Amino acid sequence: MIDIIMTHLTDVVSVILFIIGFSNLLLHHNMIKKIIGLNIMDTAIYMLLATQGYIEGLKAPIIVDGVTDAGAYVNPIPSGLVLTGIVVSVSVTALMFSMTIRMYKEYRTLDLDEILMRVRKQDL
């Protein structure tokens, strides 16, 4: 059991990080803590993609010295997906923070349950 965990340590750490982020997203009522939980989940997924895309002994996909054999290079698609995901994640995080600031200015709290209760009162 320990041998399997040690050979797939980055996968195990990614799953643990994802569980931490998901539980943070579900259990906390504070909007900032929910955003942090979502970012932890994103990081876990990017870590898993990056480690799955890496192959020991292969080179970066930059043609040097006229090597044309594709088998000598690592597949660049997982790296590109991770980079694109990070850019999108930063944009979504900025949008969530700006919406959270707007909600705080309106309701003077970051507690999601309190905000929902006030919204229901306004609707009545």
PDB file of N, CA and C in Angstrom:
ATOM      1  N   MET A   1       0.824  -1.199   0.000  1.00  0.00           N
ATOM      2  CA  MET A   1       0.000   0.000   0.000  1.00  0.00           C
ATOM      3  C   MET A   1       0.865   1.258   0.000  1.00  0.00           C
ATOM      4  N   ILE A   2       1.868   1.265   0.856  1.00  0.00           N
ATOM      5  CA  ILE A   2       2.770   2.414   0.921  1.00  0.00           C
ATOM      6  C   ILE A   2       3.529   2.567  -0.388  1.00  0.00           C
ATOM      7  N   ASP A   3       3.901   1.453  -1.004  1.00  0.00           N
ATOM      8  CA  ASP A   3       4.623   1.515  -2.273  1.00  0.00           C
ATOM      9  C   ASP A   3       3.772   2.166  -3.360  1.00  0.00           C
ATOM     10  N   ILE A   4       2.503   1.827  -3.404  1.00  0.00           N
ATOM     11  CA  ILE A   4       1.599   2.411  -4.403  1.00  0.00           C
ATOM     12  C   ILE A   4       1.444   3.904  -4.160  1.00  0.00           C
ATOM     13  N   ILE A   5       1.295   4.303  -2.901  1.00  0.00           N
ATOM     14  CA  ILE A   5       1.162   5.716  -2.570  1.00  0.00           C
ATOM     15  C   ILE A   5       2.427   6.477  -2.938  1.00  0.00           C
ATOM     16  N   MET A   6       3.579   5.905  -2.665  1.00  0.00           N
ATOM     17  CA  MET A   6       4.834   6.601  -2.956  1.00  0.00           C
ATOM     18  C   MET A   6       5.092   6.714  -4.455  1.00  0.00           C
ATOM     19  N   THR A   7       4.657   5.731  -5.231  1.00  0.00           N
ATOM     20  CA  THR A   7       4.863   5.827  -6.681  1.00  0.00           C
ATOM     21  C   THR A   7       3.895   6.815  -7.321  1.00  0.00           C
ATOM     22  N   HIS A   8       2.745   7.038  -6.696  1.00  0.00           N
ATOM     23  CA  HIS A   8       1.748   7.977  -7.218  1.00  0.00           C
ATOM     24  C   HIS A   8       1.526   9.121  -6.226  1.00  0.00           C
ATOM     25  N   LEU A   9       2.605   9.620  -5.651  1.00  0.00           N
ATOM     26  CA  LEU A   9       2.498  10.622  -4.596  1.00  0.00           C
ATOM     27  C   LEU A   9       1.839  11.910  -5.085  1.00  0.00           C
ATOM     28  N   THR A  10       2.205  12.382  -6.274  1.00  0.00           N
ATOM     29  CA  THR A  10       1.606  13.623  -6.772  1.00  0.00           C
ATOM     30  C   THR A  10       0.113  13.454  -7.053  1.00  0.00           C
ATOM     31  N   ASP A  11      -0.289  12.273  -7.484  1.00  0.00           N
ATOM     32  CA  ASP A  11      -1.722  12.020  -7.703  1.00  0.00           C
ATOM     33  C   ASP A  11      -2.477  12.046  -6.372  1.00  0.00           C
ATOM     34  N   VAL A  12      -1.891  11.430  -5.363  1.00  0.00           N
ATOM     35  CA  VAL A  12      -2.524  11.398  -4.036  1.00  0.00           C
ATOM     36  C   VAL A  12      -2.620  12.805  -3.462  1.00  0.00           C
ATOM     37  N   VAL A  13      -1.555  13.586  -3.606  1.00  0.00           N
ATOM     38  CA  VAL A  13      -1.569  14.963  -3.106  1.00  0.00           C
ATOM     39  C   VAL A  13      -2.610  15.785  -3.859  1.00  0.00           C
ATOM     40  N   SER A  14      -2.732  15.574  -5.159  1.00  0.00           N
ATOM     41  CA  SER A  14      -3.744  16.287  -5.947  1.00  0.00           C
ATOM     42  C   SER A  14      -5.156  15.962  -5.463  1.00  0.00           C
ATOM     43  N   VAL A  15      -5.418  14.696  -5.206  1.00  0.00           N
ATOM     44  CA  VAL A  15      -6.748  14.293  -4.723  1.00  0.00           C
ATOM     45  C   VAL A  15      -7.011  14.883  -3.336  1.00  0.00           C
ATOM     46  N   ILE A  16      -6.011  14.867  -2.468  1.00  0.00           N
ATOM     47  CA  ILE A  16      -6.177  15.439  -1.124  1.00  0.00           C
ATOM     48  C   ILE A  16      -6.448  16.936  -1.209  1.00  0.00           C
ATOM     49  N   LEU A  17      -5.696  17.638  -2.066  1.00  0.00           N
ATOM     50  CA  LEU A  17      -5.938  19.073  -2.246  1.00  0.00           C
ATOM     51  C   LEU A  17      -7.339  19.338  -2.786  1.00  0.00           C
ATOM     52  N   PHE A  18      -7.783  18.522  -3.725  1.00  0.00           N
ATOM     53  CA  PHE A  18      -9.121  18.697  -4.272  1.00  0.00           C
ATOM     54  C   PHE A  18     -10.179  18.496  -3.190  1.00  0.00           C
ATOM     55  N   ILE A  19     -10.000  17.479  -2.350  1.00  0.00           N
ATOM     56  CA  ILE A  19     -10.957  17.224  -1.266  1.00  0.00           C
ATOM     57  C   ILE A  19     -10.966  18.377  -0.270  1.00  0.00           C
ATOM     58  N   ILE A  20      -9.788  18.922   0.043  1.00  0.00           N
ATOM     59  CA  ILE A  20      -9.712  20.073   0.957  1.00  0.00           C
ATOM     60  C   ILE A  20     -10.457  21.264   0.365  1.00  0.00           C
ATOM     61  N   GLY A  21     -10.206  21.551  -0.913  1.00  0.00           N
ATOM     62  CA  GLY A  21     -10.883  22.675  -1.559  1.00  0.00           C
ATOM     63  C   GLY A  21     -12.383  22.477  -1.648  1.00  0.00           C
ATOM     64  N   PHE A  22     -12.814  21.258  -1.989  1.00  0.00           N
ATOM     65  CA  PHE A  22     -14.241  20.972  -2.113  1.00  0.00           C
ATOM     66  C   PHE A  22     -14.952  21.073  -0.767  1.00  0.00           C
ATOM     67  N   SER A  23     -14.320  20.551   0.282  1.00  0.00           N
ATOM     68  CA  SER A  23     -14.939  20.656   1.607  1.00  0.00           C
ATOM     69  C   SER A  23     -14.974  22.105   2.074  1.00  0.00           C
ATOM     70  N   ASN A  24     -13.942  22.868   1.731  1.00  0.00           N
ATOM     71  CA  ASN A  24     -13.934  24.285   2.063  1.00  0.00           C
ATOM     72  C   ASN A  24     -15.065  25.010   1.339  1.00  0.00           C
ATOM     73  N   LEU A  25     -15.290  24.639   0.100  1.00  0.00           N
ATOM     74  CA  LEU A  25     -16.361  25.243  -0.689  1.00  0.00           C
ATOM     75  C   LEU A  25     -17.735  24.908  -0.114  1.00  0.00           C
ATOM     76  N   LEU A  26     -17.914  23.694   0.379  1.00  0.00           N
ATOM     77  CA  LEU A  26     -19.219  23.272   0.887  1.00  0.00           C
ATOM     78  C   LEU A  26     -19.500  23.714   2.320  1.00  0.00           C
ATOM     79  N   LEU A  27     -18.490  23.724   3.176  1.00  0.00           N
ATOM     80  CA  LEU A  27     -18.735  23.895   4.604  1.00  0.00           C
ATOM     81  C   LEU A  27     -18.734  25.338   5.092  1.00  0.00           C
ATOM     82  N   HIS A  28     -18.059  26.234   4.395  1.00  0.00           N
ATOM     83  CA  HIS A  28     -17.962  27.614   4.870  1.00  0.00           C
ATOM     84  C   HIS A  28     -19.064  28.476   4.259  1.00  0.00           C
ATOM     85  N   HIS A  29     -19.500  29.463   5.022  1.00  0.00           N
ATOM     86  CA  HIS A  29     -20.534  30.379   4.561  1.00  0.00           C
ATOM     87  C   HIS A  29     -19.941  31.701   4.073  1.00  0.00           C
ATOM     88  N   ASN A  30     -18.689  31.967   4.409  1.00  0.00           N
ATOM     89  CA  ASN A  30     -18.017  33.198   4.009  1.00  0.00           C
ATOM     90  C   ASN A  30     -17.632  33.102   2.534  1.00  0.00           C
ATOM     91  N   MET A  31     -17.946  34.149   1.762  1.00  0.00           N
ATOM     92  CA  MET A  31     -17.693  34.134   0.321  1.00  0.00           C
ATOM     93  C   MET A  31     -16.193  34.078  -0.002  1.00  0.00           C
ATOM     94  N   ILE A  32     -15.365  34.751   0.772  1.00  0.00           N
ATOM     95  CA  ILE A  32     -13.920  34.741   0.524  1.00  0.00           C
ATOM     96  C   ILE A  32     -13.382  33.322   0.711  1.00  0.00           C
ATOM     97  N   LYS A  33     -13.831  32.638   1.738  1.00  0.00           N
ATOM     98  CA  LYS A  33     -13.381  31.266   1.983  1.00  0.00           C
ATOM     99  C   LYS A  33     -13.852  30.325   0.876  1.00  0.00           C
ATOM    100  N   LYS A  34     -15.037  30.565   0.339  1.00  0.00           N
ATOM    101  CA  LYS A  34     -15.512  29.756  -0.789  1.00  0.00           C
ATOM    102  C   LYS A  34     -14.640  29.972  -2.034  1.00  0.00           C
ATOM    103  N   ILE A  35     -14.252  31.212  -2.274  1.00  0.00           N
ATOM    104  CA  ILE A  35     -13.381  31.510  -3.417  1.00  0.00           C
ATOM    105  C   ILE A  35     -12.029  30.844  -3.236  1.00  0.00           C
ATOM    106  N   ILE A  36     -11.501  30.871  -2.026  1.00  0.00           N
ATOM    107  CA  ILE A  36     -10.220  30.205  -1.745  1.00  0.00           C
ATOM    108  C   ILE A  36     -10.351  28.699  -1.957  1.00  0.00           C
ATOM    109  N   GLY A  37     -11.455  28.114  -1.523  1.00  0.00           N
ATOM    110  CA  GLY A  37     -11.685  26.682  -1.743  1.00  0.00           C
ATOM    111  C   GLY A  37     -11.729  26.332  -3.219  1.00  0.00           C
ATOM    112  N   LEU A  38     -12.379  27.178  -4.013  1.00  0.00           N
ATOM    113  CA  LEU A  38     -12.429  26.944  -5.457  1.00  0.00           C
ATOM    114  C   LEU A  38     -11.034  27.041  -6.078  1.00  0.00           C
ATOM    115  N   ASN A  39     -10.227  27.967  -5.605  1.00  0.00           N
ATOM    116  CA  ASN A  39      -8.851  28.088  -6.113  1.00  0.00           C
ATOM    117  C   ASN A  39      -7.988  26.896  -5.721  1.00  0.00           C
ATOM    118  N   ILE A  40      -8.205  26.344  -4.547  1.00  0.00           N
ATOM    119  CA  ILE A  40      -7.471  25.138  -4.148  1.00  0.00           C
ATOM    120  C   ILE A  40      -7.859  23.975  -5.052  1.00  0.00           C
ATOM    121  N   MET A  41      -9.142  23.863  -5.379  1.00  0.00           N
ATOM    122  CA  MET A  41      -9.587  22.815  -6.297  1.00  0.00           C
ATOM    123  C   MET A  41      -8.951  22.993  -7.678  1.00  0.00           C
ATOM    124  N   ASP A  42      -8.903  24.224  -8.166  1.00  0.00           N
ATOM    125  CA  ASP A  42      -8.255  24.495  -9.454  1.00  0.00           C
ATOM    126  C   ASP A  42      -6.795  24.073  -9.438  1.00  0.00           C
ATOM    127  N   THR A  43      -6.108  24.425  -8.370  1.00  0.00           N
ATOM    128  CA  THR A  43      -4.689  24.097  -8.254  1.00  0.00           C
ATOM    129  C   THR A  43      -4.474  22.588  -8.258  1.00  0.00           C
ATOM    130  N   ALA A  44      -5.345  21.858  -7.591  1.00  0.00           N
ATOM    131  CA  ALA A  44      -5.231  20.398  -7.567  1.00  0.00           C
ATOM    132  C   ALA A  44      -5.391  19.814  -8.967  1.00  0.00           C
ATOM    133  N   ILE A  45      -6.332  20.333  -9.716  1.00  0.00           N
ATOM    134  CA  ILE A  45      -6.550  19.826 -11.078  1.00  0.00           C
ATOM    135  C   ILE A  45      -5.361  20.161 -11.969  1.00  0.00           C
ATOM    136  N   TYR A  46      -4.821  21.370 -11.848  1.00  0.00           N
ATOM    137  CA  TYR A  46      -3.660  21.747 -12.660  1.00  0.00           C
ATOM    138  C   TYR A  46      -2.440  20.913 -12.301  1.00  0.00           C
ATOM    139  N   MET A  47      -2.286  20.619 -11.032  1.00  0.00           N
ATOM    140  CA  MET A  47      -1.165  19.781 -10.604  1.00  0.00           C
ATOM    141  C   MET A  47      -1.303  18.367 -11.175  1.00  0.00           C
ATOM    142  N   LEU A  48      -2.507  17.832 -11.140  1.00  0.00           N
ATOM    143  CA  LEU A  48      -2.737  16.497 -11.694  1.00  0.00           C
ATOM    144  C   LEU A  48      -2.474  16.470 -13.200  1.00  0.00           C
ATOM    145  N   LEU A  49      -2.960  17.468 -13.926  1.00  0.00           N
ATOM    146  CA  LEU A  49      -2.723  17.523 -15.369  1.00  0.00           C
ATOM    147  C   LEU A  49      -1.237  17.666 -15.692  1.00  0.00           C
ATOM    148  N   ALA A  50      -0.549  18.508 -14.942  1.00  0.00           N
ATOM    149  CA  ALA A  50       0.874  18.724 -15.216  1.00  0.00           C
ATOM    150  C   ALA A  50       1.692  17.470 -14.938  1.00  0.00           C
ATOM    151  N   THR A  51       1.378  16.760 -13.868  1.00  0.00           N
ATOM    152  CA  THR A  51       2.145  15.553 -13.553  1.00  0.00           C
ATOM    153  C   THR A  51       1.808  14.406 -14.501  1.00  0.00           C
ATOM    154  N   GLN A  52       0.576  14.347 -14.983  1.00  0.00           N
ATOM    155  CA  GLN A  52       0.220  13.292 -15.930  1.00  0.00           C
ATOM    156  C   GLN A  52       0.835  13.538 -17.301  1.00  0.00           C
ATOM    157  N   GLY A  53       1.063  14.804 -17.636  1.00  0.00           N
ATOM    158  CA  GLY A  53       1.634  15.122 -18.932  1.00  0.00           C
ATOM    159  C   GLY A  53       3.143  14.994 -19.001  1.00  0.00           C
ATOM    160  N   TYR A  54       3.799  14.884 -17.845  1.00  0.00           N
ATOM    161  CA  TYR A  54       5.258  14.799 -17.813  1.00  0.00           C
ATOM    162  C   TYR A  54       5.698  13.343 -17.963  1.00  0.00           C
ATOM    163  N   ILE A  55       6.705  13.134 -18.809  1.00  0.00           N
ATOM    164  CA  ILE A  55       7.261  11.796 -18.996  1.00  0.00           C
ATOM    165  C   ILE A  55       8.761  11.882 -18.747  1.00  0.00           C
ATOM    166  N   GLU A  56       9.234  11.085 -17.824  1.00  0.00           N
ATOM    167  CA  GLU A  56      10.655  11.080 -17.439  1.00  0.00           C
ATOM    168  C   GLU A  56      11.543  10.746 -18.640  1.00  0.00           C
ATOM    169  N   GLY A  57      12.564  11.556 -18.846  1.00  0.00           N
ATOM    170  CA  GLY A  57      13.549  11.274 -19.881  1.00  0.00           C
ATOM    171  C   GLY A  57      13.285  11.938 -21.222  1.00  0.00           C
ATOM    172  N   LEU A  58      12.112  12.499 -21.412  1.00  0.00           N
ATOM    173  CA  LEU A  58      11.821  13.175 -22.668  1.00  0.00           C
ATOM    174  C   LEU A  58      12.088  14.669 -22.536  1.00  0.00           C
ATOM    175  N   LYS A  59      12.262  15.324 -23.660  1.00  0.00           N
ATOM    176  CA  LYS A  59      12.634  16.740 -23.684  1.00  0.00           C
ATOM    177  C   LYS A  59      11.410  17.605 -23.963  1.00  0.00           C
ATOM    178  N   ALA A  60      11.594  18.911 -23.716  1.00  0.00           N
ATOM    179  CA  ALA A  60      10.547  19.870 -24.066  1.00  0.00           C
ATOM    180  C   ALA A  60      10.388  19.898 -25.583  1.00  0.00           C
ATOM    181  N   PRO A  61       9.192  20.168 -26.079  1.00  0.00           N
ATOM    182  CA  PRO A  61       8.948  20.102 -27.529  1.00  0.00           C
ATOM    183  C   PRO A  61       9.505  21.313 -28.287  1.00  0.00           C
ATOM    184  N   ILE A  62      10.805  21.498 -28.187  1.00  0.00           N
ATOM    185  CA  ILE A  62      11.502  22.552 -28.919  1.00  0.00           C
ATOM    186  C   ILE A  62      12.522  21.855 -29.811  1.00  0.00           C
ATOM    187  N   ILE A  63      12.422  22.055 -31.109  1.00  0.00           N
ATOM    188  CA  ILE A  63      13.316  21.366 -32.044  1.00  0.00           C
ATOM    189  C   ILE A  63      14.708  21.973 -31.936  1.00  0.00           C
ATOM    190  N   VAL A  64      15.651  21.138 -31.519  1.00  0.00           N
ATOM    191  CA  VAL A  64      17.042  21.550 -31.371  1.00  0.00           C
ATOM    192  C   VAL A  64      17.906  20.504 -32.066  1.00  0.00           C
ATOM    193  N   ASP A  65      18.956  20.925 -32.701  1.00  0.00           N
ATOM    194  CA  ASP A  65      19.927  20.041 -33.353  1.00  0.00           C
ATOM    195  C   ASP A  65      19.286  19.184 -34.443  1.00  0.00           C
ATOM    196  N   GLY A  66      18.187  19.644 -35.025  1.00  0.00           N
ATOM    197  CA  GLY A  66      17.578  18.939 -36.140  1.00  0.00           C
ATOM    198  C   GLY A  66      16.867  17.649 -35.786  1.00  0.00           C
ATOM    199  N   VAL A  67      16.562  17.408 -34.523  1.00  0.00           N
ATOM    200  CA  VAL A  67      15.843  16.198 -34.136  1.00  0.00           C
ATOM    201  C   VAL A  67      14.401  16.331 -34.614  1.00  0.00           C
ATOM    202  N   THR A  68      13.971  15.389 -35.423  1.00  0.00           N
ATOM    203  CA  THR A  68      12.610  15.446 -35.961  1.00  0.00           C
ATOM    204  C   THR A  68      11.726  14.310 -35.460  1.00  0.00           C
ATOM    205  N   ASP A  69      12.272  13.408 -34.648  1.00  0.00           N
ATOM    206  CA  ASP A  69      11.497  12.296 -34.113  1.00  0.00           C
ATOM    207  C   ASP A  69      10.583  12.801 -32.996  1.00  0.00           C
ATOM    208  N   ALA A  70       9.282  12.647 -33.166  1.00  0.00           N
ATOM    209  CA  ALA A  70       8.323  13.130 -32.174  1.00  0.00           C
ATOM    210  C   ALA A  70       8.390  12.330 -30.879  1.00  0.00           C
ATOM    211  N   GLY A  71       8.931  11.142 -30.919  1.00  0.00           N
ATOM    212  CA  GLY A  71       9.032  10.314 -29.726  1.00  0.00           C
ATOM    213  C   GLY A  71      10.044  10.823 -28.717  1.00  0.00           C
ATOM    214  N   ALA A  72      10.864  11.787 -29.100  1.00  0.00           N
ATOM    215  CA  ALA A  72      11.875  12.327 -28.189  1.00  0.00           C
ATOM    216  C   ALA A  72      11.339  13.464 -27.337  1.00  0.00           C
ATOM    217  N   TYR A  73      10.100  13.889 -27.604  1.00  0.00           N
ATOM    218  CA  TYR A  73       9.547  15.062 -26.932  1.00  0.00           C
ATOM    219  C   TYR A  73       8.322  14.718 -26.087  1.00  0.00           C
ATOM    220  N   VAL A  74       8.101  15.524 -25.073  1.00  0.00           N
ATOM    221  CA  VAL A  74       6.915  15.423 -24.227  1.00  0.00           C
ATOM    222  C   VAL A  74       5.750  16.058 -24.980  1.00  0.00           C
ATOM    223  N   ASN A  75       4.558  15.514 -24.816  1.00  0.00           N
ATOM    224  CA  ASN A  75       3.355  16.071 -25.433  1.00  0.00           C
ATOM    225  C   ASN A  75       3.078  17.455 -24.846  1.00  0.00           C
ATOM    226  N   PRO A  76       2.988  18.514 -25.670  1.00  0.00           N
ATOM    227  CA  PRO A  76       2.789  19.866 -25.140  1.00  0.00           C
ATOM    228  C   PRO A  76       1.341  20.195 -24.792  1.00  0.00           C
ATOM    229  N   ILE A  77       0.396  19.335 -25.122  1.00  0.00           N
ATOM    230  CA  ILE A  77      -1.015  19.663 -24.898  1.00  0.00           C
ATOM    231  C   ILE A  77      -1.368  19.787 -23.410  1.00  0.00           C
ATOM    232  N   PRO A  78      -0.938  18.872 -22.521  1.00  0.00           N
ATOM    233  CA  PRO A  78      -1.268  19.079 -21.103  1.00  0.00           C
ATOM    234  C   PRO A  78      -0.695  20.378 -20.540  1.00  0.00           C
ATOM    235  N   SER A  79       0.496  20.749 -20.959  1.00  0.00           N
ATOM    236  CA  SER A  79       1.083  22.010 -20.488  1.00  0.00           C
ATOM    237  C   SER A  79       0.269  23.195 -20.979  1.00  0.00           C
ATOM    238  N   GLY A  80      -0.158  23.127 -22.232  1.00  0.00           N
ATOM    239  CA  GLY A  80      -0.987  24.202 -22.771  1.00  0.00           C
ATOM    240  C   GLY A  80      -2.329  24.299 -22.075  1.00  0.00           C
ATOM    241  N   LEU A  81      -2.917  23.145 -21.754  1.00  0.00           N
ATOM    242  CA  LEU A  81      -4.193  23.150 -21.022  1.00  0.00           C
ATOM    243  C   LEU A  81      -4.030  23.742 -19.628  1.00  0.00           C
ATOM    244  N   VAL A  82      -2.947  23.405 -18.964  1.00  0.00           N
ATOM    245  CA  VAL A  82      -2.703  23.937 -17.622  1.00  0.00           C
ATOM    246  C   VAL A  82      -2.507  25.445 -17.689  1.00  0.00           C
ATOM    247  N   LEU A  83      -1.719  25.912 -18.636  1.00  0.00           N
ATOM    248  CA  LEU A  83      -1.475  27.345 -18.773  1.00  0.00           C
ATOM    249  C   LEU A  83      -2.768  28.092 -19.089  1.00  0.00           C
ATOM    250  N   THR A  84      -3.569  27.568 -20.000  1.00  0.00           N
ATOM    251  CA  THR A  84      -4.852  28.189 -20.326  1.00  0.00           C
ATOM    252  C   THR A  84      -5.786  28.173 -19.126  1.00  0.00           C
ATOM    253  N   GLY A  85      -5.799  27.067 -18.399  1.00  0.00           N
ATOM    254  CA  GLY A  85      -6.639  26.973 -17.208  1.00  0.00           C
ATOM    255  C   GLY A  85      -6.247  27.968 -16.135  1.00  0.00           C
ATOM    256  N   ILE A  86      -4.959  28.187 -15.969  1.00  0.00           N
ATOM    257  CA  ILE A  86      -4.496  29.158 -14.975  1.00  0.00           C
ATOM    258  C   ILE A  86      -4.943  30.562 -15.348  1.00  0.00           C
ATOM    259  N   VAL A  87      -4.840  30.907 -16.613  1.00  0.00           N
ATOM    260  CA  VAL A  87      -5.274  32.234 -17.064  1.00  0.00           C
ATOM    261  C   VAL A  87      -6.774  32.412 -16.836  1.00  0.00           C
ATOM    262  N   VAL A  88      -7.562  31.406 -17.187  1.00  0.00           N
ATOM    263  CA  VAL A  88      -9.008  31.476 -16.982  1.00  0.00           C
ATOM    264  C   VAL A  88      -9.333  31.532 -15.491  1.00  0.00           C
ATOM    265  N   SER A  89      -8.616  30.759 -14.693  1.00  0.00           N
ATOM    266  CA  SER A  89      -8.846  30.736 -13.252  1.00  0.00           C
ATOM    267  C   SER A  89      -8.570  32.096 -12.610  1.00  0.00           C
ATOM    268  N   VAL A  90      -7.520  32.745 -13.025  1.00  0.00           N
ATOM    269  CA  VAL A  90      -7.207  34.076 -12.490  1.00  0.00           C
ATOM    270  C   VAL A  90      -8.308  35.064 -12.868  1.00  0.00           C
ATOM    271  N   SER A  91      -8.802  34.974 -14.097  1.00  0.00           N
ATOM    272  CA  SER A  91      -9.873  35.872 -14.535  1.00  0.00           C
ATOM    273  C   SER A  91     -11.162  35.618 -13.754  1.00  0.00           C
ATOM    274  N   VAL A  92     -11.506  34.361 -13.573  1.00  0.00           N
ATOM    275  CA  VAL A  92     -12.724  34.021 -12.829  1.00  0.00           C
ATOM    276  C   VAL A  92     -12.591  34.447 -11.366  1.00  0.00           C
ATOM    277  N   THR A  93     -11.411  34.275 -10.789  1.00  0.00           N
ATOM    278  CA  THR A  93     -11.190  34.689  -9.403  1.00  0.00           C
ATOM    279  C   THR A  93     -11.345  36.195  -9.260  1.00  0.00           C
ATOM    280  N   ALA A  94     -10.791  36.951 -10.204  1.00  0.00           N
ATOM    281  CA  ALA A  94     -10.939  38.409 -10.155  1.00  0.00           C
ATOM    282  C   ALA A  94     -12.404  38.809 -10.262  1.00  0.00           C
ATOM    283  N   LEU A  95     -13.149  38.147 -11.134  1.00  0.00           N
ATOM    284  CA  LEU A  95     -14.576  38.429 -11.276  1.00  0.00           C
ATOM    285  C   LEU A  95     -15.333  38.088  -9.994  1.00  0.00           C
ATOM    286  N   MET A  96     -15.010  36.941  -9.385  1.00  0.00           N
ATOM    287  CA  MET A  96     -15.681  36.558  -8.138  1.00  0.00           C
ATOM    288  C   MET A  96     -15.366  37.541  -7.014  1.00  0.00           C
ATOM    289  N   PHE A  97     -14.115  37.992  -6.931  1.00  0.00           N
ATOM    290  CA  PHE A  97     -13.763  38.973  -5.897  1.00  0.00           C
ATOM    291  C   PHE A  97     -14.486  40.300  -6.127  1.00  0.00           C
ATOM    292  N   SER A  98     -14.589  40.725  -7.373  1.00  0.00           N
ATOM    293  CA  SER A  98     -15.290  41.988  -7.634  1.00  0.00           C
ATOM    294  C   SER A  98     -16.776  41.867  -7.296  1.00  0.00           C
ATOM    295  N   MET A  99     -17.382  40.712  -7.605  1.00  0.00           N
ATOM    296  CA  MET A  99     -18.781  40.513  -7.243  1.00  0.00           C
ATOM    297  C   MET A  99     -18.962  40.415  -5.728  1.00  0.00           C
ATOM    298  N   THR A 100     -17.982  39.831  -5.049  1.00  0.00           N
ATOM    299  CA  THR A 100     -18.041  39.737  -3.589  1.00  0.00           C
ATOM    300  C   THR A 100     -17.949  41.124  -2.962  1.00  0.00           C
ATOM    301  N   ILE A 101     -17.091  41.977  -3.499  1.00  0.00           N
ATOM    302  CA  ILE A 101     -16.985  43.352  -2.998  1.00  0.00           C
ATOM    303  C   ILE A 101     -18.299  44.095  -3.211  1.00  0.00           C
ATOM    304  N   ARG A 102     -18.891  43.894  -4.362  1.00  0.00           N
ATOM    305  CA  ARG A 102     -20.179  44.526  -4.660  1.00  0.00           C
ATOM    306  C   ARG A 102     -21.263  44.040  -3.693  1.00  0.00           C
ATOM    307  N   MET A 103     -21.283  42.738  -3.412  1.00  0.00           N
ATOM    308  CA  MET A 103     -22.253  42.204  -2.455  1.00  0.00           C
ATOM    309  C   MET A 103     -22.003  42.747  -1.055  1.00  0.00           C
ATOM    310  N   TYR A 104     -20.743  42.903  -0.681  1.00  0.00           N
ATOM    311  CA  TYR A 104     -20.443  43.428   0.646  1.00  0.00           C
ATOM    312  C   TYR A 104     -20.915  44.882   0.772  1.00  0.00           C
ATOM    313  N   LYS A 105     -20.718  45.663  -0.282  1.00  0.00           N
ATOM    314  CA  LYS A 105     -21.179  47.054  -0.246  1.00  0.00           C
ATOM    315  C   LYS A 105     -22.696  47.127  -0.127  1.00  0.00           C
ATOM    316  N   GLU A 106     -23.394  46.180  -0.737  1.00  0.00           N
ATOM    317  CA  GLU A 106     -24.855  46.179  -0.709  1.00  0.00           C
ATOM    318  C   GLU A 106     -25.403  45.663   0.624  1.00  0.00           C
ATOM    319  N   TYR A 107     -24.849  44.563   1.142  1.00  0.00           N
ATOM    320  CA  TYR A 107     -25.432  43.890   2.309  1.00  0.00           C
ATOM    321  C   TYR A 107     -24.600  43.999   3.584  1.00  0.00           C
ATOM    322  N   ARG A 108     -23.397  44.519   3.509  1.00  0.00           N
ATOM    323  CA  ARG A 108     -22.503  44.694   4.660  1.00  0.00           C
ATOM    324  C   ARG A 108     -22.168  43.388   5.386  1.00  0.00           C
ATOM    325  N   THR A 109     -22.146  42.297   4.655  1.00  0.00           N
ATOM    326  CA  THR A 109     -21.730  41.011   5.206  1.00  0.00           C
ATOM    327  C   THR A 109     -21.225  40.124   4.074  1.00  0.00           C
ATOM    328  N   LEU A 110     -20.392  39.157   4.434  1.00  0.00           N
ATOM    329  CA  LEU A 110     -19.912  38.177   3.467  1.00  0.00           C
ATOM    330  C   LEU A 110     -20.492  36.795   3.729  1.00  0.00           C
ATOM    331  N   ASP A 111     -21.360  36.690   4.725  1.00  0.00           N
ATOM    332  CA  ASP A 111     -22.009  35.423   5.055  1.00  0.00           C
ATOM    333  C   ASP A 111     -23.116  35.150   4.037  1.00  0.00           C
ATOM    334  N   LEU A 112     -22.975  34.080   3.305  1.00  0.00           N
ATOM    335  CA  LEU A 112     -23.913  33.775   2.223  1.00  0.00           C
ATOM    336  C   LEU A 112     -25.324  33.517   2.736  1.00  0.00           C
ATOM    337  N   ASP A 113     -25.461  32.871   3.878  1.00  0.00           N
ATOM    338  CA  ASP A 113     -26.793  32.622   4.442  1.00  0.00           C
ATOM    339  C   ASP A 113     -27.484  33.932   4.819  1.00  0.00           C
ATOM    340  N   GLU A 114     -26.725  34.841   5.393  1.00  0.00           N
ATOM    341  CA  GLU A 114     -27.275  36.147   5.769  1.00  0.00           C
ATOM    342  C   GLU A 114     -27.714  36.933   4.528  1.00  0.00           C
ATOM    343  N   ILE A 115     -26.918  36.880   3.488  1.00  0.00           N
ATOM    344  CA  ILE A 115     -27.258  37.587   2.250  1.00  0.00           C
ATOM    345  C   ILE A 115     -28.529  36.994   1.634  1.00  0.00           C
ATOM    346  N   LEU A 116     -28.630  35.667   1.601  1.00  0.00           N
ATOM    347  CA  LEU A 116     -29.833  35.028   1.044  1.00  0.00           C
ATOM    348  C   LEU A 116     -31.077  35.371   1.861  1.00  0.00           C
ATOM    349  N   MET A 117     -30.935  35.449   3.182  1.00  0.00           N
ATOM    350  CA  MET A 117     -32.059  35.809   4.031  1.00  0.00           C
ATOM    351  C   MET A 117     -32.506  37.245   3.750  1.00  0.00           C
ATOM    352  N   ARG A 118     -31.541  38.146   3.568  1.00  0.00           N
ATOM    353  CA  ARG A 118     -31.891  39.543   3.265  1.00  0.00           C
ATOM    354  C   ARG A 118     -32.527  39.690   1.886  1.00  0.00           C
ATOM    355  N   VAL A 119     -32.066  38.915   0.934  1.00  0.00           N
ATOM    356  CA  VAL A 119     -32.651  38.954  -0.412  1.00  0.00           C
ATOM    357  C   VAL A 119     -34.085  38.467  -0.373  1.00  0.00           C
ATOM    358  N   ARG A 120     -34.354  37.429   0.392  1.00  0.00           N
ATOM    359  CA  ARG A 120     -35.727  36.917   0.519  1.00  0.00           C
ATOM    360  C   ARG A 120     -36.641  37.932   1.182  1.00  0.00           C
ATOM    361  N   LYS A 121     -36.105  38.674   2.173  1.00  0.00           N
ATOM    362  CA  LYS A 121     -36.891  39.718   2.821  1.00  0.00           C
ATOM    363  C   LYS A 121     -37.210  40.844   1.856  1.00  0.00           C
ATOM    364  N   GLN A 122     -36.263  41.172   0.979  1.00  0.00           N
ATOM    365  CA  GLN A 122     -36.493  42.243   0.021  1.00  0.00           C
ATOM    366  C   GLN A 122     -37.550  41.850  -1.006  1.00  0.00           C
ATOM    367  N   ASP A 123     -37.592  40.563  -1.343  1.00  0.00           N
ATOM    368  CA  ASP A 123     -38.555  40.093  -2.341  1.00  0.00           C
ATOM    369  C   ASP A 123     -39.994  40.121  -1.818  1.00  0.00           C
ATOM    370  N   LEU A 124     -40.159  40.034  -0.503  1.00  0.00           N
ATOM    371  CA  LEU A 124     -41.510  40.017   0.072  1.00  0.00           C
ATOM    372  C   LEU A 124     -42.070  41.364   0.134  1.00  0.00           C
TER     373      LEU A 124
END
